C-alpha atoms as a PDB file:
ATOM      1  CA  MET A   1      27.228  90.840  11.405  1.00  0.00           C
ATOM      2  CA  LEU A   2      27.361  87.092  12.111  1.00  0.00           C
ATOM      3  CA  GLN A   3      23.676  86.778  11.188  1.00  0.00           C
ATOM      4  CA  VAL A   4      24.402  88.460   7.841  1.00  0.00           C
ATOM      5  CA  LEU A   5      27.354  86.125   7.222  1.00  0.00           C
ATOM      6  CA  GLY A   6      25.160  83.190   8.117  1.00  0.00           C
ATOM      7  CA  ARG A   7      22.447  84.167   5.653  1.00  0.00           C
ATOM      8  CA  VAL A   8      25.056  84.733   2.927  1.00  0.00           C
ATOM      9  CA  ALA A   9      26.627  81.324   3.588  1.00  0.00           C
ATOM     10  CA  TRP A  10      23.239  79.597   3.466  1.00  0.00           C
ATOM     11  CA  ILE A  11      22.192  81.312   0.218  1.00  0.00           C
ATOM     12  CA  ALA A  12      25.556  80.615  -1.443  1.00  0.00           C
ATOM     13  CA  LEU A  13      25.586  76.948  -0.510  1.00  0.00           C
ATOM     14  CA  THR A  14      21.970  76.441  -1.559  1.00  0.00           C
ATOM     15  CA  ALA A  15      22.739  78.000  -4.943  1.00  0.00           C
ATOM     16  CA  ALA A  16      25.809  75.817  -5.317  1.00  0.00           C
ATOM     17  CA  LEU A  17      23.774  72.708  -4.560  1.00  0.00           C
ATOM     18  CA  ALA A  18      21.176  73.649  -7.166  1.00  0.00           C
ATOM     19  CA  THR A  19      23.828  74.014  -9.878  1.00  0.00           C
ATOM     20  CA  ALA A  20      26.081  71.113  -8.840  1.00  0.00           C
ATOM     21  CA  LEU A  21      28.257  69.409 -11.381  1.00  0.00           C
ATOM     22  CA  THR A  22      27.382  65.881 -12.483  1.00  0.00           C
ATOM     23  CA  ALA A  23      30.140  63.379 -11.665  1.00  0.00           C
ATOM     24  CA  VAL A  24      31.841  61.461 -14.471  1.00  0.00           C
ATOM     25  CA  PRO A  25      30.450  57.889 -14.524  1.00  0.00           C
ATOM     26  CA  ALA A  26      32.807  55.399 -12.907  1.00  0.00           C
ATOM     27  CA  SER A  27      34.511  52.840 -15.111  1.00  0.00           C
ATOM     28  CA  ALA A  28      33.121  49.296 -15.007  1.00  0.00           C
ATOM     29  CA  GLY A  29      36.566  47.699 -15.491  1.00  0.00           C
ATOM     30  CA  THR A  30      39.733  47.527 -13.409  1.00  0.00           C
ATOM     31  CA  LEU A  31      41.533  50.849 -13.102  1.00  0.00           C
ATOM     32  CA  GLU A  32      45.252  51.429 -13.193  1.00  0.00           C
ATOM     33  CA  VAL A  33      46.835  54.825 -12.783  1.00  0.00           C
ATOM     34  CA  ASP A  34      49.987  56.634 -13.892  1.00  0.00           C
ATOM     35  CA  VAL A  35      51.028  59.544 -11.668  1.00  0.00           C
ATOM     36  CA  THR A  36      53.819  61.890 -12.729  1.00  0.00           C
ATOM     37  CA  LEU A  37      55.321  64.940 -11.067  1.00  0.00           C
ATOM     38  CA  ALA A  38      57.529  67.381 -12.973  1.00  0.00           C
ATOM     39  CA  GLY A  39      61.223  66.790 -12.275  1.00  0.00           C
ATOM     40  CA  VAL A  40      60.601  63.824  -9.955  1.00  0.00           C
ATOM     41  CA  THR A  41      61.998  60.343 -10.596  1.00  0.00           C
ATOM     42  CA  VAL A  42      59.577  57.401 -10.751  1.00  0.00           C
ATOM     43  CA  PRO A  43      58.853  55.583  -8.466  1.00  0.00           C
ATOM     44  CA  SER A  44      58.760  57.733  -5.333  1.00  0.00           C
ATOM     45  CA  THR A  45      56.421  59.016  -2.657  1.00  0.00           C
ATOM     46  CA  GLU A  46      56.323  62.803  -2.745  1.00  0.00           C
ATOM     47  CA  PRO A  47      54.936  65.548  -0.471  1.00  0.00           C
ATOM     48  CA  VAL A  48      52.023  67.634  -1.742  1.00  0.00           C
ATOM     49  CA  THR A  49      50.142  70.604  -0.310  1.00  0.00           C
ATOM     50  CA  GLY A  50      46.741  72.067  -1.047  1.00  0.00           C
ATOM     51  CA  ASN A  51      45.102  75.463  -0.506  1.00  0.00           C
ATOM     52  CA  SER A  52      41.412  76.067  -1.069  1.00  0.00           C
ATOM     53  CA  VAL A  53      40.198  78.701  -3.511  1.00  0.00           C
ATOM     54  CA  GLY A  54      37.436  80.813  -1.983  1.00  0.00           C
ATOM     55  CA  ASN A  55      35.077  79.433   0.647  1.00  0.00           C
ATOM     56  CA  VAL A  56      34.660  75.828   1.749  1.00  0.00           C
ATOM     57  CA  GLY A  57      31.218  74.936   3.035  1.00  0.00           C
ATOM     58  CA  SER A  58      28.830  72.189   3.995  1.00  0.00           C
ATOM     59  CA  LEU A  59      25.063  72.015   3.557  1.00  0.00           C
ATOM     60  CA  ASN A  60      22.613  70.031   5.698  1.00  0.00           C
ATOM     61  CA  LEU A  61      20.318  68.170   3.287  1.00  0.00           C
ATOM     62  CA  ASN A  62      17.668  67.503   5.934  1.00  0.00           C
ATOM     63  CA  ARG A  63      17.288  70.897   7.601  1.00  0.00           C
ATOM     64  CA  PRO A  64      17.870  74.570   6.680  1.00  0.00           C
ATOM     65  CA  SER A  65      21.400  74.865   8.051  1.00  0.00           C
ATOM     66  CA  ALA A  66      24.955  75.066   6.744  1.00  0.00           C
ATOM     67  CA  PHE A  67      28.451  76.026   7.744  1.00  0.00           C
ATOM     68  CA  SER A  68      30.995  77.985   5.734  1.00  0.00           C
ATOM     69  CA  CYS A  69      34.708  78.641   6.243  1.00  0.00           C
ATOM     70  CA  GLN A  70      36.245  81.716   4.631  1.00  0.00           C
ATOM     71  CA  PRO A  71      39.788  82.743   3.654  1.00  0.00           C
ATOM     72  CA  ASP A  72      41.299  85.711   5.478  1.00  0.00           C
ATOM     73  CA  SER A  73      44.675  87.152   6.457  1.00  0.00           C
ATOM     74  CA  ASN A  74      45.395  83.975   8.425  1.00  0.00           C
ATOM     75  CA  GLY A  75      45.198  81.803   5.334  1.00  0.00           C
ATOM     76  CA  PRO A  76      42.847  79.900   3.027  1.00  0.00           C
ATOM     77  CA  ALA A  77      39.543  78.438   4.150  1.00  0.00           C
ATOM     78  CA  LEU A  78      41.135  74.982   4.085  1.00  0.00           C
ATOM     79  CA  TRP A  79      44.749  73.842   4.020  1.00  0.00           C
ATOM     80  CA  ALA A  80      45.951  70.278   3.480  1.00  0.00           C
ATOM     81  CA  ALA A  81      49.217  68.364   3.248  1.00  0.00           C
ATOM     82  CA  GLY A  82      50.081  64.784   2.471  1.00  0.00           C
ATOM     83  CA  THR A  83      51.838  62.539  -0.017  1.00  0.00           C
ATOM     84  CA  VAL A  84      51.238  61.171  -3.506  1.00  0.00           C
ATOM     85  CA  ARG A  85      52.696  57.996  -4.994  1.00  0.00           C
ATOM     86  CA  VAL A  86      54.533  58.864  -8.237  1.00  0.00           C
ATOM     87  CA  GLU A  87      54.540  55.667 -10.278  1.00  0.00           C
ATOM     88  CA  ASP A  88      53.196  54.063 -13.462  1.00  0.00           C
ATOM     89  CA  ASP A  89      50.663  51.224 -13.619  1.00  0.00           C
ATOM     90  CA  GLN A  90      49.666  51.512  -9.967  1.00  0.00           C
ATOM     91  CA  ASP A  91      46.448  50.519  -8.265  1.00  0.00           C
ATOM     92  CA  ALA A  92      43.732  53.185  -8.222  1.00  0.00           C
ATOM     93  CA  THR A  93      43.286  52.840  -4.456  1.00  0.00           C
ATOM     94  CA  GLY A  94      45.473  54.944  -2.192  1.00  0.00           C
ATOM     95  CA  LEU A  95      47.055  57.227  -4.787  1.00  0.00           C
ATOM     96  CA  ALA A  96      47.446  59.939  -2.183  1.00  0.00           C
ATOM     97  CA  SER A  97      47.185  60.306   1.566  1.00  0.00           C
ATOM     98  CA  LEU A  98      46.158  63.481   3.402  1.00  0.00           C
ATOM     99  CA  THR A  99      47.996  63.522   6.720  1.00  0.00           C
ATOM    100  CA  SER A 100      47.020  67.061   7.744  1.00  0.00           C
ATOM    101  CA  VAL A 101      43.797  68.960   6.986  1.00  0.00           C
ATOM    102  CA  LYS A 102      42.883  72.231   8.699  1.00  0.00           C
ATOM    103  CA  PHE A 103      39.899  74.552   8.402  1.00  0.00           C
ATOM    104  CA  ASN A 104      40.401  78.297   8.928  1.00  0.00           C
ATOM    105  CA  ASN A 105      38.531  78.598  12.213  1.00  0.00           C
ATOM    106  CA  PRO A 106      36.321  80.092  13.379  1.00  0.00           C
ATOM    107  CA  CYS A 107      33.867  79.368  10.599  1.00  0.00           C
ATOM    108  CA  THR A 108      30.210  80.452  10.399  1.00  0.00           C
ATOM    109  CA  PHE A 109      27.114  78.339  11.071  1.00  0.00           C
ATOM    110  CA  ALA A 110      23.916  79.521   9.440  1.00  0.00           C
ATOM    111  CA  PRO A 111      21.332  80.567  10.314  1.00  0.00           C
ATOM    112  CA  ASN A 112      21.899  82.572  13.466  1.00  0.00           C
ATOM    113  CA  LEU A 113      24.288  80.339  15.442  1.00  0.00           C
ATOM    114  CA  GLY A 114      27.391  82.410  14.757  1.00  0.00           C
ATOM    115  CA  ARG A 115      30.882  81.046  15.065  1.00  0.00           C
ATOM    116  CA  ILE A 116      31.703  77.351  14.714  1.00  0.00           C
ATOM    117  CA  VAL A 117      34.970  75.441  15.108  1.00  0.00           C
ATOM    118  CA  VAL A 118      35.516  72.677  12.531  1.00  0.00           C
ATOM    119  CA  THR A 119      38.034  69.973  13.473  1.00  0.00           C
ATOM    120  CA  VAL A 120      39.253  67.150  11.242  1.00  0.00           C
ATOM    121  CA  LEU A 121      39.303  63.616  12.690  1.00  0.00           C
ATOM    122  CA  ASN A 122      40.473  60.163  11.569  1.00  0.00           C
ATOM    123  CA  LEU A 123      43.530  61.242   9.594  1.00  0.00           C
ATOM    124  CA  PRO A 124      45.000  60.243   7.238  1.00  0.00           C
ATOM    125  CA  TRP A 125      42.275  60.528   4.617  1.00  0.00           C
ATOM    126  CA  ARG A 126      42.845  58.487   1.456  1.00  0.00           C
ATOM    127  CA  PHE A 127      42.386  59.611  -2.151  1.00  0.00           C
ATOM    128  CA  ASP A 128      41.366  56.993  -4.732  1.00  0.00           C
ATOM    129  CA  ALA A 129      40.700  57.250  -8.449  1.00  0.00           C
ATOM    130  CA  VAL A 130      37.261  55.802  -9.200  1.00  0.00           C
ATOM    131  CA  GLY A 131      36.889  56.607 -12.905  1.00  0.00           C
ATOM    132  CA  VAL A 132      38.979  56.900 -16.059  1.00  0.00           C
ATOM    133  CA  THR A 133      40.630  60.215 -16.920  1.00  0.00           C
ATOM    134  CA  ASP A 134      38.788  62.067 -19.672  1.00  0.00           C
ATOM    135  CA  ALA A 135      40.243  63.980 -22.616  1.00  0.00           C
ATOM    136  CA  SER A 136      40.417  67.179 -20.552  1.00  0.00           C
ATOM    137  CA  GLY A 137      42.588  65.583 -17.872  1.00  0.00           C
ATOM    138  CA  VAL A 138      39.764  65.241 -15.345  1.00  0.00           C
ATOM    139  CA  THR A 139      39.734  62.169 -13.105  1.00  0.00           C
ATOM    140  CA  GLU A 140      36.841  61.201 -10.868  1.00  0.00           C
ATOM    141  CA  GLY A 141      38.082  60.531  -7.334  1.00  0.00           C
ATOM    142  CA  ARG A 142      37.022  59.919  -3.764  1.00  0.00           C
ATOM    143  CA  LEU A 143      38.315  61.024  -0.356  1.00  0.00           C
ATOM    144  CA  THR A 144      37.778  58.180   2.106  1.00  0.00           C
ATOM    145  CA  GLY A 145      37.988  58.072   5.897  1.00  0.00           C
ATOM    146  CA  VAL A 146      36.429  61.521   6.263  1.00  0.00           C
ATOM    147  CA  LYS A 147      35.268  62.432   9.765  1.00  0.00           C
ATOM    148  CA  ILE A 148      34.689  65.980  11.059  1.00  0.00           C
ATOM    149  CA  LYS A 149      33.756  67.494  14.429  1.00  0.00           C
ATOM    150  CA  LEU A 150      31.599  70.623  14.692  1.00  0.00           C
ATOM    151  CA  ASP A 151      31.672  72.770  17.854  1.00  0.00           C
ATOM    152  CA  ILE A 152      29.366  75.745  18.408  1.00  0.00           C
ATOM    153  CA  PRO A 153      30.773  77.154  21.663  1.00  0.00           C
ATOM    154  CA  SER A 154      28.140  79.863  22.140  1.00  0.00           C
ATOM    155  CA  ILE A 155      25.465  77.247  22.903  1.00  0.00           C
ATOM    156  CA  GLY A 156      27.581  74.236  23.889  1.00  0.00           C
ATOM    157  CA  CYS A 157      26.511  72.249  20.834  1.00  0.00           C
ATOM    158  CA  ASN A 158      28.836  69.741  19.196  1.00  0.00           C
ATOM    159  CA  ALA A 159      28.332  67.078  16.557  1.00  0.00           C
ATOM    160  CA  ILE A 160      30.369  64.516  14.638  1.00  0.00           C
ATOM    161  CA  LEU A 161      30.000  64.024  10.878  1.00  0.00           C
ATOM    162  CA  GLY A 162      31.115  60.646   9.549  1.00  0.00           C
ATOM    163  CA  GLY A 163      30.075  57.622   7.540  1.00  0.00           C
ATOM    164  CA  PRO A 164      27.228  55.246   8.431  1.00  0.00           C
ATOM    165  CA  GLY A 165      29.572  52.401   9.458  1.00  0.00           C
ATOM    166  CA  ALA A 166      31.067  51.518  12.845  1.00  0.00           C
ATOM    167  CA  GLY A 167      32.636  54.576  14.448  1.00  0.00           C
ATOM    168  CA  GLY A 168      31.747  56.697  11.423  1.00  0.00           C
ATOM    169  CA  LEU A 169      35.171  55.889   9.948  1.00  0.00           C
ATOM    170  CA  ASN A 170      33.963  55.113   6.411  1.00  0.00           C
ATOM    171  CA  GLY A 171      32.882  58.636   5.504  1.00  0.00           C
ATOM    172  CA  TYR A 172      33.619  59.742   1.970  1.00  0.00           C
ATOM    173  CA  ILE A 173      33.399  62.782  -0.302  1.00  0.00           C
ATOM    174  CA  ASP A 174      33.438  62.411  -4.085  1.00  0.00           C
ATOM    175  CA  GLY A 175      35.154  64.900  -6.339  1.00  0.00           C
ATOM    176  CA  THR A 176      37.159  65.431  -9.484  1.00  0.00           C
ATOM    177  CA  TYR A 177      40.864  66.074  -9.913  1.00  0.00           C
ATOM    178  CA  THR A 178      41.950  68.156 -12.910  1.00  0.00           C
ATOM    179  CA  SER A 179      45.601  67.607 -13.813  1.00  0.00           C
ATOM    180  CA  PRO A 180      47.761  70.487 -15.042  1.00  0.00           C
ATOM    181  CA  ALA A 181      49.298  70.329 -18.500  1.00  0.00           C
ATOM    182  CA  ALA A 182      52.654  68.581 -18.116  1.00  0.00           C
ATOM    183  CA  GLY A 183      55.450  71.153 -17.818  1.00  0.00           C
ATOM    184  CA  SER A 184      53.079  74.103 -17.364  1.00  0.00           C
ATOM    185  CA  GLY A 185      54.009  74.790 -13.747  1.00  0.00           C
ATOM    186  CA  ASP A 186      50.298  75.024 -12.912  1.00  0.00           C
ATOM    187  CA  THR A 187      48.507  73.514  -9.939  1.00  0.00           C
ATOM    188  CA  GLY A 188      46.177  70.565 -10.069  1.00  0.00           C
ATOM    189  CA  MET A 189      42.615  71.240  -8.915  1.00  0.00           C
ATOM    190  CA  LEU A 190      40.605  69.026  -6.578  1.00  0.00           C
ATOM    191  CA  ALA A 191      36.917  69.953  -6.715  1.00  0.00           C
ATOM    192  CA  LEU A 192      34.725  68.506  -3.969  1.00  0.00           C
ATOM    193  CA  LEU A 193      31.317  67.756  -5.439  1.00  0.00           C
ATOM    194  CA  HIS A 194      28.145  68.569  -3.581  1.00  0.00           C
ATOM    195  CA  THR A 195      25.129  66.728  -4.926  1.00  0.00           C
ATOM    196  CA  ARG A 196      23.047  64.422  -2.766  1.00  0.00           C
ATOM    197  CA  THR A 197      24.951  61.295  -3.857  1.00  0.00           C
ATOM    198  CA  ASP A 198      28.483  62.704  -3.679  1.00  0.00           C
ATOM    199  CA  SER A 199      28.936  62.157   0.058  1.00  0.00           C
ATOM    200  CA  ASN A 200      27.770  59.751   2.752  1.00  0.00           C
ATOM    201  CA  LEU A 201      28.539  62.116   5.645  1.00  0.00           C
ATOM    202  CA  ARG A 202      25.874  62.315   8.326  1.00  0.00           C
ATOM    203  CA  VAL A 203      25.575  63.296  11.978  1.00  0.00           C
ATOM    204  CA  THR A 204      26.746  60.184  13.826  1.00  0.00           C
ATOM    205  CA  GLN A 205      27.003  61.777  17.289  1.00  0.00           C
ATOM    206  CA  ILE A 206      25.481  64.891  18.826  1.00  0.00           C
ATOM    207  CA  SER A 207      25.686  66.542  22.244  1.00  0.00           C
ATOM    208  CA  GLN A 208      22.961  65.715  24.720  1.00  0.00           C
ATOM    209  CA  ARG A 209      20.851  67.893  27.034  1.00  0.00           C
ATOM    210  CA  GLY A 210      19.231  69.779  24.167  1.00  0.00           C
ATOM    211  CA  SER A 211      22.132  72.146  23.464  1.00  0.00           C
ATOM    212  CA  CYS A 212      21.797  71.685  19.676  1.00  0.00           C
ATOM    213  CA  PRO A 213      18.611  73.197  18.171  1.00  0.00           C
ATOM    214  CA  THR A 214      16.656  70.330  16.587  1.00  0.00           C
ATOM    215  CA  SER A 215      15.257  72.663  13.939  1.00  0.00           C
ATOM    216  CA  LEU A 216      18.788  73.009  12.497  1.00  0.00           C
ATOM    217  CA  ILE A 217      20.685  69.786  13.237  1.00  0.00           C
ATOM    218  CA  GLN A 218      19.750  66.291  14.404  1.00  0.00           C
ATOM    219  CA  LEU A 219      21.273  62.833  14.625  1.00  0.00           C
ATOM    220  CA  GLY A 220      21.281  61.221  11.169  1.00  0.00           C
ATOM    221  CA  ASP A 221      21.166  64.473   9.171  1.00  0.00           C
ATOM    222  CA  LYS A 222      23.131  64.151   5.927  1.00  0.00           C
ATOM    223  CA  PHE A 223      25.728  66.773   4.965  1.00  0.00           C
ATOM    224  CA  VAL A 224      27.527  67.502   1.693  1.00  0.00           C
ATOM    225  CA  LEU A 225      30.824  69.389   1.504  1.00  0.00           C
ATOM    226  CA  SER A 226      31.853  71.687  -1.343  1.00  0.00           C
ATOM    227  CA  GLY A 227      35.001  73.563  -2.268  1.00  0.00           C
ATOM    228  CA  SER A 228      37.972  73.673  -4.630  1.00  0.00           C
ATOM    229  CA  VAL A 229      41.579  73.014  -3.610  1.00  0.00           C
ATOM    230  CA  GLU A 230      44.725  73.848  -5.593  1.00  0.00           C
ATOM    231  CA  VAL A 231      47.273  71.015  -5.296  1.00  0.00           C
ATOM    232  CA  ARG A 232      51.047  71.454  -5.678  1.00  0.00           C
ATOM    233  CA  GLY A 233      53.954  69.019  -5.558  1.00  0.00           C
ATOM    234  CA  ASP A 234      56.401  70.390  -2.996  1.00  0.00           C
ATOM    235  CA  ASN A 235      59.451  68.961  -4.796  1.00  0.00           C
ATOM    236  CA  ALA A 236      58.162  69.295  -8.357  1.00  0.00           C
ATOM    237  CA  THR A 237      59.646  71.697 -10.891  1.00  0.00           C
ATOM    238  CA  HIS A 238      57.919  75.046 -10.261  1.00  0.00           C
ATOM    239  CA  GLN A 239      55.831  73.131  -7.670  1.00  0.00           C
ATOM    240  CA  GLU A 240      53.619  71.871 -10.473  1.00  0.00           C
ATOM    241  CA  GLY A 241      50.671  69.748  -9.419  1.00  0.00           C
ATOM    242  CA  PRO A 242      50.606  65.969  -9.946  1.00  0.00           C
ATOM    243  CA  VAL A 243      49.449  64.664 -13.326  1.00  0.00           C
ATOM    244  CA  ILE A 244      47.050  61.737 -12.865  1.00  0.00           C
ATOM    245  CA  HIS A 245      46.038  59.450 -15.718  1.00  0.00           C
ATOM    246  CA  ALA A 246      43.593  56.667 -14.831  1.00  0.00           C
ATOM    247  CA  TYR A 247      42.698  54.068 -17.440  1.00  0.00           C
ATOM    248  CA  GLU A 248      40.876  50.771 -17.719  1.00  0.00           C
ATOM    249  CA  VAL A 249      42.732  47.490 -18.144  1.00  0.00           C
ATOM    250  CA  PRO A 250      41.231  44.107 -19.108  1.00  0.00           C
END
């Protein structure tokens, strides 16, 4: 059964990579951002939560391997909580902070390695706007500080995914945030993009003594993460998601 799940995860992630969305080009000017939350007074720092929609997965760009986390009766594939700064004319850096991120373990490592435990490191992760908001309410953004540990207990293999800098602390994942229509009561949607340039995550550490099969994962392998997360404001009217509007200033 695990082998079947592994093959399904690998095929699904490969297909997703082949049809990946193209990111909105980043603005060349200075960005400022207005963030509003239904029923919330400006300025304030407000709690937000996020639940993934469907699977969340990661694809190794150097070797034929991937991992996938699935929703089940225990919850979504990924759950997150943090805060967002509700304010006008604010800097595009540090709009939101993710203080808790959890994968629905155990996940599946494909091919043929079965169950994997995915642990989030280096919290909080920071969310920045990196491009102007388009006419559809879509803002290009980046999660920064991303670092993840992978454990495959059946073979004693573990690896750390992070950025190329010291300690792997500068890992990032690019994505887009789609704001709800103001007053709709809908969620916002954070989509993690998954093309080759949308992440700098790579294997920065790996267990010794040959416990990790080199045909599937090696030091330096680059990974991309994909998934979609519904975002709600905990204190907003009808728990509506934040509305983000990023714009260029002279």
